[in-house]
C-alpha atoms as a PDB file:
ATOM      1  CA  MET A   1     106.815 150.228 141.080  1.00  0.00           C
ATOM      2  CA  LYS A   2     107.157 153.563 139.352  1.00  0.00           C
ATOM      3  CA  LYS A   3     105.965 154.337 135.887  1.00  0.00           C
ATOM      4  CA  TYR A   4     108.511 155.488 133.359  1.00  0.00           C
ATOM      5  CA  GLY A   5     108.162 157.577 130.242  1.00  0.00           C
ATOM      6  CA  PHE A   6     109.188 156.521 126.795  1.00  0.00           C
ATOM      7  CA  LEU A   7     111.192 159.658 126.038  1.00  0.00           C
ATOM      8  CA  ILE A   8     114.646 158.246 125.512  1.00  0.00           C
ATOM      9  CA  PHE A   9     117.868 159.833 124.412  1.00  0.00           C
ATOM     10  CA  LEU A  10     120.081 158.204 121.779  1.00  0.00           C
ATOM     11  CA  PHE A  11     123.585 156.970 122.357  1.00  0.00           C
ATOM     12  CA  LEU A  12     125.881 157.549 119.385  1.00  0.00           C
ATOM     13  CA  GLY A  13     129.381 156.850 120.700  1.00  0.00           C
ATOM     14  CA  ASN A  14     131.954 159.122 119.157  1.00  0.00           C
ATOM     15  CA  ILE A  15     129.605 160.751 116.650  1.00  0.00           C
ATOM     16  CA  ILE A  16     129.978 164.485 116.043  1.00  0.00           C
ATOM     17  CA  HIS A  17     126.840 166.496 116.588  1.00  0.00           C
ATOM     18  CA  ALA A  18     125.530 169.936 117.444  1.00  0.00           C
ATOM     19  CA  GLN A  19     125.260 169.858 121.200  1.00  0.00           C
ATOM     20  CA  THR A  20     122.087 171.221 122.779  1.00  0.00           C
ATOM     21  CA  SER A  21     122.652 171.784 126.478  1.00  0.00           C
ATOM     22  CA  VAL A  22     119.814 172.653 128.830  1.00  0.00           C
ATOM     23  CA  ASN A  23     119.604 172.990 132.577  1.00  0.00           C
ATOM     24  CA  ILE A  24     117.279 170.349 134.021  1.00  0.00           C
ATOM     25  CA  ALA A  25     116.811 170.386 137.802  1.00  0.00           C
ATOM     26  CA  GLY A  26     120.145 172.144 138.190  1.00  0.00           C
ATOM     27  CA  VAL A  27     122.072 169.696 135.982  1.00  0.00           C
ATOM     28  CA  LEU A  28     123.433 170.667 132.574  1.00  0.00           C
ATOM     29  CA  ARG A  29     122.248 168.054 130.066  1.00  0.00           C
ATOM     30  CA  ASP A  30     122.716 167.408 126.353  1.00  0.00           C
ATOM     31  CA  THR A  31     119.330 166.637 124.766  1.00  0.00           C
ATOM     32  CA  SER A  32     120.357 166.819 121.111  1.00  0.00           C
ATOM     33  CA  PHE A  33     119.370 163.268 120.193  1.00  0.00           C
ATOM     34  CA  THR A  34     116.275 161.188 120.879  1.00  0.00           C
ATOM     35  CA  LEU A  35     115.291 157.632 120.137  1.00  0.00           C
ATOM     36  CA  GLN A  36     112.474 158.934 117.969  1.00  0.00           C
ATOM     37  CA  SER A  37     114.769 161.021 115.764  1.00  0.00           C
ATOM     38  CA  VAL A  38     117.130 158.105 115.224  1.00  0.00           C
ATOM     39  CA  PHE A  39     114.245 155.823 114.364  1.00  0.00           C
ATOM     40  CA  ALA A  40     112.947 158.393 111.868  1.00  0.00           C
ATOM     41  CA  LYS A  41     116.372 158.443 110.221  1.00  0.00           C
ATOM     42  CA  GLU A  42     116.988 154.700 110.172  1.00  0.00           C
ATOM     43  CA  VAL A  43     113.485 153.640 109.132  1.00  0.00           C
ATOM     44  CA  LYS A  44     113.975 155.422 105.786  1.00  0.00           C
ATOM     45  CA  ARG A  45     116.746 152.973 104.929  1.00  0.00           C
ATOM     46  CA  ARG A  46     115.322 150.016 106.838  1.00  0.00           C
ATOM     47  CA  PRO A  47     111.509 150.253 106.821  1.00  0.00           C
ATOM     48  CA  TYR A  48     111.206 146.913 108.628  1.00  0.00           C
ATOM     49  CA  ILE A  49     112.745 148.055 111.929  1.00  0.00           C
ATOM     50  CA  GLN A  50     110.697 148.605 115.088  1.00  0.00           C
ATOM     51  CA  ILE A  51     111.482 150.369 118.355  1.00  0.00           C
ATOM     52  CA  VAL A  52     111.593 148.100 121.406  1.00  0.00           C
ATOM     53  CA  TYR A  53     109.766 149.645 124.361  1.00  0.00           C
ATOM     54  CA  PRO A  54     109.670 148.583 128.020  1.00  0.00           C
ATOM     55  CA  GLN A  55     107.088 145.903 128.827  1.00  0.00           C
ATOM     56  CA  HIS A  56     105.408 144.998 132.112  1.00  0.00           C
ATOM     57  CA  ASP A  57     105.872 141.405 133.269  1.00  0.00           C
ATOM     58  CA  SER A  58     104.349 140.255 136.543  1.00  0.00           C
ATOM     59  CA  LYS A  59     107.228 137.791 136.977  1.00  0.00           C
ATOM     60  CA  ILE A  60     109.667 140.719 137.270  1.00  0.00           C
ATOM     61  CA  ILE A  61     109.716 143.260 140.095  1.00  0.00           C
ATOM     62  CA  SER A  62     111.348 146.655 139.829  1.00  0.00           C
ATOM     63  CA  PHE A  63     112.782 149.331 142.077  1.00  0.00           C
ATOM     64  CA  GLU A  64     113.240 152.559 140.181  1.00  0.00           C
ATOM     65  CA  SER A  65     115.018 155.848 140.761  1.00  0.00           C
ATOM     66  CA  VAL A  66     117.083 154.496 143.663  1.00  0.00           C
ATOM     67  CA  THR A  67     119.869 156.837 144.819  1.00  0.00           C
ATOM     68  CA  TYR A  68     123.278 155.179 144.851  1.00  0.00           C
ATOM     69  CA  SER A  69     125.597 158.167 145.169  1.00  0.00           C
ATOM     70  CA  GLN A  70     125.662 161.864 146.001  1.00  0.00           C
ATOM     71  CA  PRO A  71     128.743 163.332 144.309  1.00  0.00           C
ATOM     72  CA  SER A  72     127.854 166.865 145.454  1.00  0.00           C
ATOM     73  CA  LEU A  73     125.460 168.560 147.873  1.00  0.00           C
ATOM     74  CA  ASN A  74     122.567 168.939 145.440  1.00  0.00           C
ATOM     75  CA  ARG A  75     123.308 166.061 143.065  1.00  0.00           C
ATOM     76  CA  GLU A  76     122.086 162.488 143.413  1.00  0.00           C
ATOM     77  CA  LEU A  77     122.840 159.676 140.980  1.00  0.00           C
ATOM     78  CA  LYS A  78     120.130 157.063 140.394  1.00  0.00           C
ATOM     79  CA  LEU A  79     119.777 153.482 139.259  1.00  0.00           C
ATOM     80  CA  ASN A  80     116.925 151.060 138.554  1.00  0.00           C
ATOM     81  CA  ILE A  81     116.745 147.434 139.645  1.00  0.00           C
ATOM     82  CA  TYR A  82     114.870 144.603 137.897  1.00  0.00           C
ATOM     83  CA  ARG A  83     114.831 141.048 139.204  1.00  0.00           C
ATOM     84  CA  PRO A  84     112.694 137.893 139.241  1.00  0.00           C
ATOM     85  CA  ALA A  85     109.754 138.173 141.631  1.00  0.00           C
ATOM     86  CA  ASP A  86     111.002 135.640 144.145  1.00  0.00           C
ATOM     87  CA  SER A  87     113.392 135.496 147.091  1.00  0.00           C
ATOM     88  CA  LYS A  88     116.255 133.646 145.391  1.00  0.00           C
ATOM     89  CA  SER A  89     119.742 135.104 145.092  1.00  0.00           C
ATOM     90  CA  TYR A  90     120.884 135.968 141.554  1.00  0.00           C
ATOM     91  CA  PRO A  91     123.961 137.375 139.795  1.00  0.00           C
ATOM     92  CA  ALA A  92     123.837 141.082 138.951  1.00  0.00           C
ATOM     93  CA  LEU A  93     124.370 142.973 135.692  1.00  0.00           C
ATOM     94  CA  LEU A  94     125.130 146.708 135.879  1.00  0.00           C
ATOM     95  CA  MET A  95     123.984 148.257 132.575  1.00  0.00           C
ATOM     96  CA  VAL A  96     125.568 151.427 131.160  1.00  0.00           C
ATOM     97  CA  HIS A  97     123.771 153.519 128.541  1.00  0.00           C
ATOM     98  CA  GLY A  98     125.532 155.298 125.702  1.00  0.00           C
ATOM     99  CA  GLY A  99     125.256 158.749 124.192  1.00  0.00           C
ATOM    100  CA  GLY A 100     128.774 159.866 123.300  1.00  0.00           C
ATOM    101  CA  TRP A 101     129.581 160.408 126.986  1.00  0.00           C
ATOM    102  CA  SER A 102     127.368 163.509 126.706  1.00  0.00           C
ATOM    103  CA  SER A 103     123.728 162.423 126.398  1.00  0.00           C
ATOM    104  CA  GLY A 104     121.327 159.576 127.069  1.00  0.00           C
ATOM    105  CA  ASN A 105     119.929 158.228 130.309  1.00  0.00           C
ATOM    106  CA  LEU A 106     119.364 154.920 132.059  1.00  0.00           C
ATOM    107  CA  SER A 107     115.892 154.476 130.532  1.00  0.00           C
ATOM    108  CA  LEU A 108     117.621 153.418 127.312  1.00  0.00           C
ATOM    109  CA  GLN A 109     118.557 150.168 129.026  1.00  0.00           C
ATOM    110  CA  ILE A 110     115.140 149.301 130.483  1.00  0.00           C
ATOM    111  CA  PRO A 111     113.804 147.003 127.715  1.00  0.00           C
ATOM    112  CA  MET A 112     117.033 145.002 127.704  1.00  0.00           C
ATOM    113  CA  ALA A 113     117.196 144.948 131.504  1.00  0.00           C
ATOM    114  CA  GLN A 114     113.669 143.549 131.775  1.00  0.00           C
ATOM    115  CA  LYS A 115     114.356 140.771 129.279  1.00  0.00           C
ATOM    116  CA  ILE A 116     117.646 139.718 130.850  1.00  0.00           C
ATOM    117  CA  ALA A 117     116.063 139.703 134.325  1.00  0.00           C
ATOM    118  CA  GLU A 118     113.676 137.037 133.033  1.00  0.00           C
ATOM    119  CA  HIS A 119     116.704 134.756 132.628  1.00  0.00           C
ATOM    120  CA  GLY A 120     117.582 134.861 136.328  1.00  0.00           C
ATOM    121  CA  TYR A 121     119.596 138.046 136.794  1.00  0.00           C
ATOM    122  CA  VAL A 122     119.304 141.242 138.797  1.00  0.00           C
ATOM    123  CA  THR A 123     119.696 143.904 136.121  1.00  0.00           C
ATOM    124  CA  ILE A 124     120.653 147.457 137.064  1.00  0.00           C
ATOM    125  CA  PRO A 125     120.522 150.324 134.529  1.00  0.00           C
ATOM    126  CA  VAL A 126     122.609 153.140 135.971  1.00  0.00           C
ATOM    127  CA  GLU A 127     122.931 156.909 135.679  1.00  0.00           C
ATOM    128  CA  TYR A 128     126.372 158.525 135.565  1.00  0.00           C
ATOM    129  CA  ARG A 129     127.669 162.048 135.080  1.00  0.00           C
ATOM    130  CA  LEU A 130     127.996 163.129 131.436  1.00  0.00           C
ATOM    131  CA  SER A 131     130.355 165.601 129.798  1.00  0.00           C
ATOM    132  CA  PRO A 132     128.119 168.713 130.014  1.00  0.00           C
ATOM    133  CA  GLU A 133     128.173 168.199 133.783  1.00  0.00           C
ATOM    134  CA  ALA A 134     131.570 166.585 134.443  1.00  0.00           C
ATOM    135  CA  LYS A 135     134.503 165.556 132.254  1.00  0.00           C
ATOM    136  CA  TYR A 136     136.429 162.292 132.306  1.00  0.00           C
ATOM    137  CA  PRO A 137     137.067 160.492 134.684  1.00  0.00           C
ATOM    138  CA  ALA A 138     133.886 161.361 136.633  1.00  0.00           C
ATOM    139  CA  ALA A 139     131.837 158.718 134.788  1.00  0.00           C
ATOM    140  CA  VAL A 140     134.391 156.033 135.641  1.00  0.00           C
ATOM    141  CA  TYR A 141     134.326 156.970 139.319  1.00  0.00           C
ATOM    142  CA  ASP A 142     130.501 156.922 139.304  1.00  0.00           C
ATOM    143  CA  LEU A 143     130.330 153.417 137.849  1.00  0.00           C
ATOM    144  CA  LYS A 144     132.919 152.044 140.261  1.00  0.00           C
ATOM    145  CA  THR A 145     130.858 153.590 143.070  1.00  0.00           C
ATOM    146  CA  ALA A 146     127.716 151.916 141.694  1.00  0.00           C
ATOM    147  CA  ILE A 147     129.405 148.507 141.853  1.00  0.00           C
ATOM    148  CA  ARG A 148     130.473 149.110 145.447  1.00  0.00           C
ATOM    149  CA  TRP A 149     126.887 150.198 146.213  1.00  0.00           C
ATOM    150  CA  ILE A 150     125.593 146.910 144.788  1.00  0.00           C
ATOM    151  CA  ARG A 151     127.795 144.950 147.166  1.00  0.00           C
ATOM    152  CA  ALA A 152     126.898 147.182 150.111  1.00  0.00           C
ATOM    153  CA  ASN A 153     123.161 146.717 149.448  1.00  0.00           C
ATOM    154  CA  ALA A 154     123.159 143.172 148.084  1.00  0.00           C
ATOM    155  CA  SER A 155     121.133 141.690 150.944  1.00  0.00           C
ATOM    156  CA  LYS A 156     118.222 144.077 150.257  1.00  0.00           C
ATOM    157  CA  PHE A 157     117.840 142.817 146.696  1.00  0.00           C
ATOM    158  CA  ASN A 158     119.139 139.233 147.034  1.00  0.00           C
ATOM    159  CA  ILE A 159     122.214 139.766 144.860  1.00  0.00           C
ATOM    160  CA  ASP A 160     125.042 137.241 144.678  1.00  0.00           C
ATOM    161  CA  THR A 161     128.068 139.512 145.137  1.00  0.00           C
ATOM    162  CA  SER A 162     130.479 136.866 143.868  1.00  0.00           C
ATOM    163  CA  ARG A 163     128.935 137.196 140.406  1.00  0.00           C
ATOM    164  CA  ILE A 164     128.633 140.784 139.155  1.00  0.00           C
ATOM    165  CA  ALA A 165     128.914 141.707 135.474  1.00  0.00           C
ATOM    166  CA  ILE A 166     128.737 144.990 133.577  1.00  0.00           C
ATOM    167  CA  SER A 167     127.398 145.762 130.103  1.00  0.00           C
ATOM    168  CA  GLY A 168     127.351 148.899 128.021  1.00  0.00           C
ATOM    169  CA  CYS A 169     126.244 150.215 124.637  1.00  0.00           C
ATOM    170  CA  SER A 170     128.448 152.472 122.477  1.00  0.00           C
ATOM    171  CA  ALA A 171     130.048 154.979 124.887  1.00  0.00           C
ATOM    172  CA  GLY A 172     128.641 152.779 127.630  1.00  0.00           C
ATOM    173  CA  GLY A 173     130.444 149.823 126.070  1.00  0.00           C
ATOM    174  CA  GLN A 174     133.762 151.648 126.292  1.00  0.00           C
ATOM    175  CA  LEU A 175     133.059 152.524 129.922  1.00  0.00           C
ATOM    176  CA  ALA A 176     131.960 149.003 130.826  1.00  0.00           C
ATOM    177  CA  THR A 177     135.111 147.553 129.286  1.00  0.00           C
ATOM    178  CA  LEU A 178     137.327 150.054 131.094  1.00  0.00           C
ATOM    179  CA  ILE A 179     135.623 149.169 134.386  1.00  0.00           C
ATOM    180  CA  GLY A 180     136.140 145.442 133.834  1.00  0.00           C
ATOM    181  CA  THR A 181     139.706 145.859 132.624  1.00  0.00           C
ATOM    182  CA  THR A 182     140.817 147.893 135.639  1.00  0.00           C
ATOM    183  CA  ASN A 183     139.885 145.448 138.395  1.00  0.00           C
ATOM    184  CA  TYR A 184     141.938 146.205 141.533  1.00  0.00           C
ATOM    185  CA  GLN A 185     143.515 149.341 140.002  1.00  0.00           C
ATOM    186  CA  GLN A 186     143.021 151.975 142.715  1.00  0.00           C
ATOM    187  CA  LYS A 187     143.651 154.874 140.332  1.00  0.00           C
ATOM    188  CA  TYR A 188     140.190 154.370 138.852  1.00  0.00           C
ATOM    189  CA  GLU A 189     138.208 154.132 142.098  1.00  0.00           C
ATOM    190  CA  GLY A 190     137.742 157.845 142.745  1.00  0.00           C
ATOM    191  CA  LYS A 191     136.567 159.147 146.118  1.00  0.00           C
ATOM    192  CA  GLY A 192     132.953 157.959 146.038  1.00  0.00           C
ATOM    193  CA  GLU A 193     131.025 156.182 148.755  1.00  0.00           C
ATOM    194  CA  TYR A 194     131.283 152.587 150.055  1.00  0.00           C
ATOM    195  CA  ARG A 195     135.064 152.451 149.834  1.00  0.00           C
ATOM    196  CA  SER A 196     135.223 149.407 152.104  1.00  0.00           C
ATOM    197  CA  TYR A 197     133.565 147.356 149.356  1.00  0.00           C
ATOM    198  CA  SER A 198     135.118 145.967 146.181  1.00  0.00           C
ATOM    199  CA  SER A 199     134.372 147.194 142.649  1.00  0.00           C
ATOM    200  CA  LEU A 200     135.441 143.850 141.164  1.00  0.00           C
ATOM    201  CA  ILE A 201     133.694 142.901 137.923  1.00  0.00           C
ATOM    202  CA  ASN A 202     133.468 139.251 136.854  1.00  0.00           C
ATOM    203  CA  ALA A 203     132.362 139.680 133.220  1.00  0.00           C
ATOM    204  CA  VAL A 204     131.944 142.444 130.611  1.00  0.00           C
ATOM    205  CA  ILE A 205     129.598 142.849 127.645  1.00  0.00           C
ATOM    206  CA  ASN A 206     130.728 145.512 125.168  1.00  0.00           C
ATOM    207  CA  ILE A 207     128.085 146.473 122.606  1.00  0.00           C
ATOM    208  CA  ASP A 208     129.768 148.531 119.863  1.00  0.00           C
ATOM    209  CA  GLY A 209     132.012 150.458 122.236  1.00  0.00           C
ATOM    210  CA  ILE A 210     135.583 151.266 121.259  1.00  0.00           C
ATOM    211  CA  CYS A 211     138.543 149.879 123.217  1.00  0.00           C
ATOM    212  CA  ASP A 212     141.257 152.277 122.089  1.00  0.00           C
ATOM    213  CA  PHE A 213     141.135 156.055 121.656  1.00  0.00           C
ATOM    214  CA  THR A 214     144.716 156.210 120.386  1.00  0.00           C
ATOM    215  CA  GLN A 215     144.481 154.618 116.946  1.00  0.00           C
ATOM    216  CA  SER A 216     146.085 156.979 114.463  1.00  0.00           C
ATOM    217  CA  GLU A 217     143.339 156.931 111.835  1.00  0.00           C
ATOM    218  CA  SER A 218     140.664 157.911 114.353  1.00  0.00           C
ATOM    219  CA  ILE A 219     142.864 160.606 115.912  1.00  0.00           C
ATOM    220  CA  GLN A 220     143.563 162.119 112.496  1.00  0.00           C
ATOM    221  CA  GLN A 221     139.855 162.206 111.683  1.00  0.00           C
ATOM    222  CA  ILE A 222     139.035 163.875 114.991  1.00  0.00           C
ATOM    223  CA  GLU A 223     141.807 166.444 114.564  1.00  0.00           C
ATOM    224  CA  LYS A 224     140.449 167.177 111.081  1.00  0.00           C
ATOM    225  CA  GLU A 225     136.969 167.801 112.442  1.00  0.00           C
ATOM    226  CA  VAL A 226     138.326 170.036 115.203  1.00  0.00           C
ATOM    227  CA  SER A 227     140.215 172.073 112.612  1.00  0.00           C
ATOM    228  CA  LYS A 228     136.863 172.730 110.934  1.00  0.00           C
ATOM    229  CA  GLY A 229     135.431 174.096 114.156  1.00  0.00           C
ATOM    230  CA  LYS A 230     133.545 170.959 115.171  1.00  0.00           C
ATOM    231  CA  GLN A 231     133.710 169.268 118.574  1.00  0.00           C
ATOM    232  CA  PRO A 232     133.606 165.474 118.539  1.00  0.00           C
ATOM    233  CA  ALA A 233     132.067 163.811 121.580  1.00  0.00           C
ATOM    234  CA  SER A 234     135.413 162.420 122.762  1.00  0.00           C
ATOM    235  CA  VAL A 235     137.003 165.886 122.699  1.00  0.00           C
ATOM    236  CA  ARG A 236     134.174 167.274 124.807  1.00  0.00           C
ATOM    237  CA  TRP A 237     134.501 164.398 127.275  1.00  0.00           C
ATOM    238  CA  PHE A 238     138.257 164.630 127.664  1.00  0.00           C
ATOM    239  CA  GLY A 239     138.308 168.431 127.596  1.00  0.00           C
ATOM    240  CA  GLY A 240     140.726 168.550 124.660  1.00  0.00           C
ATOM    241  CA  THR A 241     142.178 166.727 121.680  1.00  0.00           C
ATOM    242  CA  TYR A 242     144.678 163.871 121.830  1.00  0.00           C
ATOM    243  CA  SER A 243     147.564 166.281 121.322  1.00  0.00           C
ATOM    244  CA  GLU A 244     146.241 168.544 124.098  1.00  0.00           C
ATOM    245  CA  CYS A 245     145.591 165.906 126.776  1.00  0.00           C
ATOM    246  CA  ARG A 246     147.227 162.707 125.574  1.00  0.00           C
ATOM    247  CA  GLU A 247     147.287 160.989 128.966  1.00  0.00           C
ATOM    248  CA  ARG A 248     143.505 161.108 129.328  1.00  0.00           C
ATOM    249  CA  TRP A 249     142.992 159.481 125.935  1.00  0.00           C
ATOM    250  CA  ILE A 250     145.389 156.688 126.894  1.00  0.00           C
ATOM    251  CA  GLU A 251     143.965 156.244 130.404  1.00  0.00           C
ATOM    252  CA  ALA A 252     140.424 155.849 129.070  1.00  0.00           C
ATOM    253  CA  SER A 253     141.437 153.171 126.537  1.00  0.00           C
ATOM    254  CA  PRO A 254     140.657 149.700 127.953  1.00  0.00           C
ATOM    255  CA  LEU A 255     143.251 148.153 125.632  1.00  0.00           C
ATOM    256  CA  HIS A 256     146.079 149.728 127.628  1.00  0.00           C
ATOM    257  CA  HIS A 257     145.000 148.303 131.000  1.00  0.00           C
ATOM    258  CA  VAL A 258     144.631 144.576 130.443  1.00  0.00           C
ATOM    259  CA  THR A 259     146.091 142.482 133.280  1.00  0.00           C
ATOM    260  CA  TYR A 260     145.627 138.943 134.548  1.00  0.00           C
ATOM    261  CA  GLN A 261     142.884 140.396 136.795  1.00  0.00           C
ATOM    262  CA  SER A 262     140.788 141.740 133.908  1.00  0.00           C
ATOM    263  CA  ALA A 263     137.348 140.222 133.297  1.00  0.00           C
ATOM    264  CA  PRO A 264     136.194 138.069 130.349  1.00  0.00           C
ATOM    265  CA  VAL A 265     134.608 140.120 127.557  1.00  0.00           C
ATOM    266  CA  CYS A 266     131.797 139.525 125.079  1.00  0.00           C
ATOM    267  CA  PHE A 267     131.894 141.888 122.093  1.00  0.00           C
ATOM    268  CA  ILE A 268     128.625 142.450 120.216  1.00  0.00           C
ATOM    269  CA  ASN A 269     129.169 144.666 117.203  1.00  0.00           C
ATOM    270  CA  SER A 270     127.537 146.396 114.286  1.00  0.00           C
ATOM    271  CA  SER A 271     129.202 146.140 110.893  1.00  0.00           C
ATOM    272  CA  ILE A 272     130.688 149.645 111.229  1.00  0.00           C
ATOM    273  CA  PRO A 273     134.500 149.289 111.594  1.00  0.00           C
ATOM    274  CA  ARG A 274     135.249 152.406 113.646  1.00  0.00           C
ATOM    275  CA  PHE A 275     133.252 151.065 116.577  1.00  0.00           C
ATOM    276  CA  HIS A 276     135.641 148.111 116.642  1.00  0.00           C
ATOM    277  CA  ASP A 277     138.701 150.273 117.375  1.00  0.00           C
ATOM    278  CA  GLY A 278     141.071 148.299 119.607  1.00  0.00           C
ATOM    279  CA  ARG A 279     138.833 145.239 119.833  1.00  0.00           C
ATOM    280  CA  ASP A 280     141.079 142.732 118.079  1.00  0.00           C
ATOM    281  CA  GLU A 281     144.179 144.049 119.818  1.00  0.00           C
ATOM    282  CA  MET A 282     142.421 143.757 123.164  1.00  0.00           C
ATOM    283  CA  ILE A 283     141.375 140.179 122.449  1.00  0.00           C
ATOM    284  CA  ALA A 284     145.038 139.404 121.748  1.00  0.00           C
ATOM    285  CA  GLU A 285     146.078 140.975 125.058  1.00  0.00           C
ATOM    286  CA  LEU A 286     143.416 139.116 127.034  1.00  0.00           C
ATOM    287  CA  SER A 287     144.428 135.849 125.390  1.00  0.00           C
ATOM    288  CA  LYS A 288     147.941 136.242 126.812  1.00  0.00           C
ATOM    289  CA  TYR A 289     146.359 135.673 130.230  1.00  0.00           C
ATOM    290  CA  SER A 290     143.951 132.989 128.950  1.00  0.00           C
ATOM    291  CA  ILE A 291     141.006 135.318 129.627  1.00  0.00           C
ATOM    292  CA  TYR A 292     137.904 134.269 127.717  1.00  0.00           C
ATOM    293  CA  THR A 293     136.451 136.438 124.934  1.00  0.00           C
ATOM    294  CA  GLU A 294     133.822 136.039 122.263  1.00  0.00           C
ATOM    295  CA  VAL A 295     132.717 138.186 119.319  1.00  0.00           C
ATOM    296  CA  HIS A 296     129.352 138.504 117.586  1.00  0.00           C
ATOM    297  CA  THR A 297     128.909 140.842 114.603  1.00  0.00           C
ATOM    298  CA  PHE A 298     125.650 141.789 112.924  1.00  0.00           C
ATOM    299  CA  ASP A 299     125.886 142.398 109.185  1.00  0.00           C
ATOM    300  CA  ASP A 300     124.428 145.540 107.618  1.00  0.00           C
ATOM    301  CA  THR A 301     123.210 147.203 110.801  1.00  0.00           C
ATOM    302  CA  PRO A 302     123.066 150.757 112.118  1.00  0.00           C
ATOM    303  CA  HIS A 303     125.328 151.545 115.053  1.00  0.00           C
ATOM    304  CA  THR A 304     122.313 151.578 117.371  1.00  0.00           C
ATOM    305  CA  PHE A 305     121.035 148.157 116.334  1.00  0.00           C
ATOM    306  CA  TRP A 306     120.229 147.064 119.921  1.00  0.00           C
ATOM    307  CA  LEU A 307     117.420 149.633 120.123  1.00  0.00           C
ATOM    308  CA  PHE A 308     115.414 147.982 117.387  1.00  0.00           C
ATOM    309  CA  SER A 309     113.864 144.776 116.239  1.00  0.00           C
ATOM    310  CA  PRO A 310     114.942 142.595 114.452  1.00  0.00           C
ATOM    311  CA  TRP A 311     118.294 142.778 116.309  1.00  0.00           C
ATOM    312  CA  PHE A 312     117.114 143.300 119.890  1.00  0.00           C
ATOM    313  CA  GLY A 313     116.141 139.697 120.572  1.00  0.00           C
ATOM    314  CA  GLN A 314     119.363 138.201 119.229  1.00  0.00           C
ATOM    315  CA  THR A 315     121.410 140.760 121.170  1.00  0.00           C
ATOM    316  CA  VAL A 316     119.705 139.688 124.397  1.00  0.00           C
ATOM    317  CA  ARG A 317     120.390 136.029 123.544  1.00  0.00           C
ATOM    318  CA  TYR A 318     124.081 136.721 122.996  1.00  0.00           C
ATOM    319  CA  MET A 319     124.188 138.553 126.327  1.00  0.00           C
ATOM    320  CA  THR A 320     122.372 135.921 128.373  1.00  0.00           C
ATOM    321  CA  ASP A 321     124.342 133.061 126.795  1.00  0.00           C
ATOM    322  CA  PHE A 322     127.601 134.808 127.724  1.00  0.00           C
ATOM    323  CA  LEU A 323     126.407 135.572 131.249  1.00  0.00           C
ATOM    324  CA  ASP A 324     125.230 132.004 131.723  1.00  0.00           C
ATOM    325  CA  ARG A 325     128.598 130.729 130.543  1.00  0.00           C
ATOM    326  CA  THR A 326     130.778 133.048 132.632  1.00  0.00           C
ATOM    327  CA  LEU A 327     128.657 133.567 135.764  1.00  0.00           C
ATOM    328  CA  LYS A 328     126.597 130.383 136.001  1.00  0.00           C
ATOM    329  CA  ASN A 329     128.853 127.918 134.170  1.00  0.00           C
ATOM    330  CA  ILE A 330     125.918 126.941 131.948  1.00  0.00           C
ATOM    331  CA  LYS A 331     126.608 125.951 128.348  1.00  0.00           C
ATOM    332  CA  PRO A 332     124.100 127.388 125.850  1.00  0.00           C
ATOM    333  CA  GLU A 333     121.946 124.828 124.047  1.00  0.00           C
END
């Protein structure tokens, strides 16, 4: 078991910020936000909040910094694995961090991954390529590859490949929902490894990630910021504004890809409306195919509520209840 540091980058969805790119081990990375800086900001308004850090539990075993893909000669993508310390087979949850598609890393998901693993799941925080390194759709291809890797290596970690879910926070929530919406759509597979395996997802948890990039109010706001010389995170990820590369903005919107093969979705939201873009419309589309959805909204919370107590514990409960219901057919008490 490897030790991990507590330096964690923040995920802020579509928030506009001054990008700070540095070259780390040959990879261009955005390090402009940290968990500590967000805590310092939020604690002024909510002095009762506390950061949730990773905890060691002897009932959970971990495998960290495991390579799952090599998209180029000198680039390896990593994931961590947490599971109960026994030999039983469990469903898997691939966990996608946020950061405006430009920053963050898989360590952001470790506290949540450890807690969910205690409930009988193999939890897998995953790294993917971010916008300073690679534009859309590289992240989508990476995550589909990670799912295929899980199936290819399931016997090593006692994973039940018939029950694989994906979760994501903020930008990670958008990505997770796109992955689960595009089941069996070859356009989104990319050319990564393990192509003989399926990238099918059986359930999705979207934590404050948008479902539609094409809503007019959001587009107008982004265009306004661009006109002032700013670069919103979505513009950096897509390589242009909606008017400049419209197809990418549509392709990346989960709302526009719902089919009868899409996975059930649990939405866990802050009280900030713009992170709900496309959610209600997507629920309506999923309902046409009788695909299950549920929504949980926290009142008066920051966007990054899942990082902090008092919201962390309830977020985990919403997640495990949904996973139990959709993957284990267990009704919450």
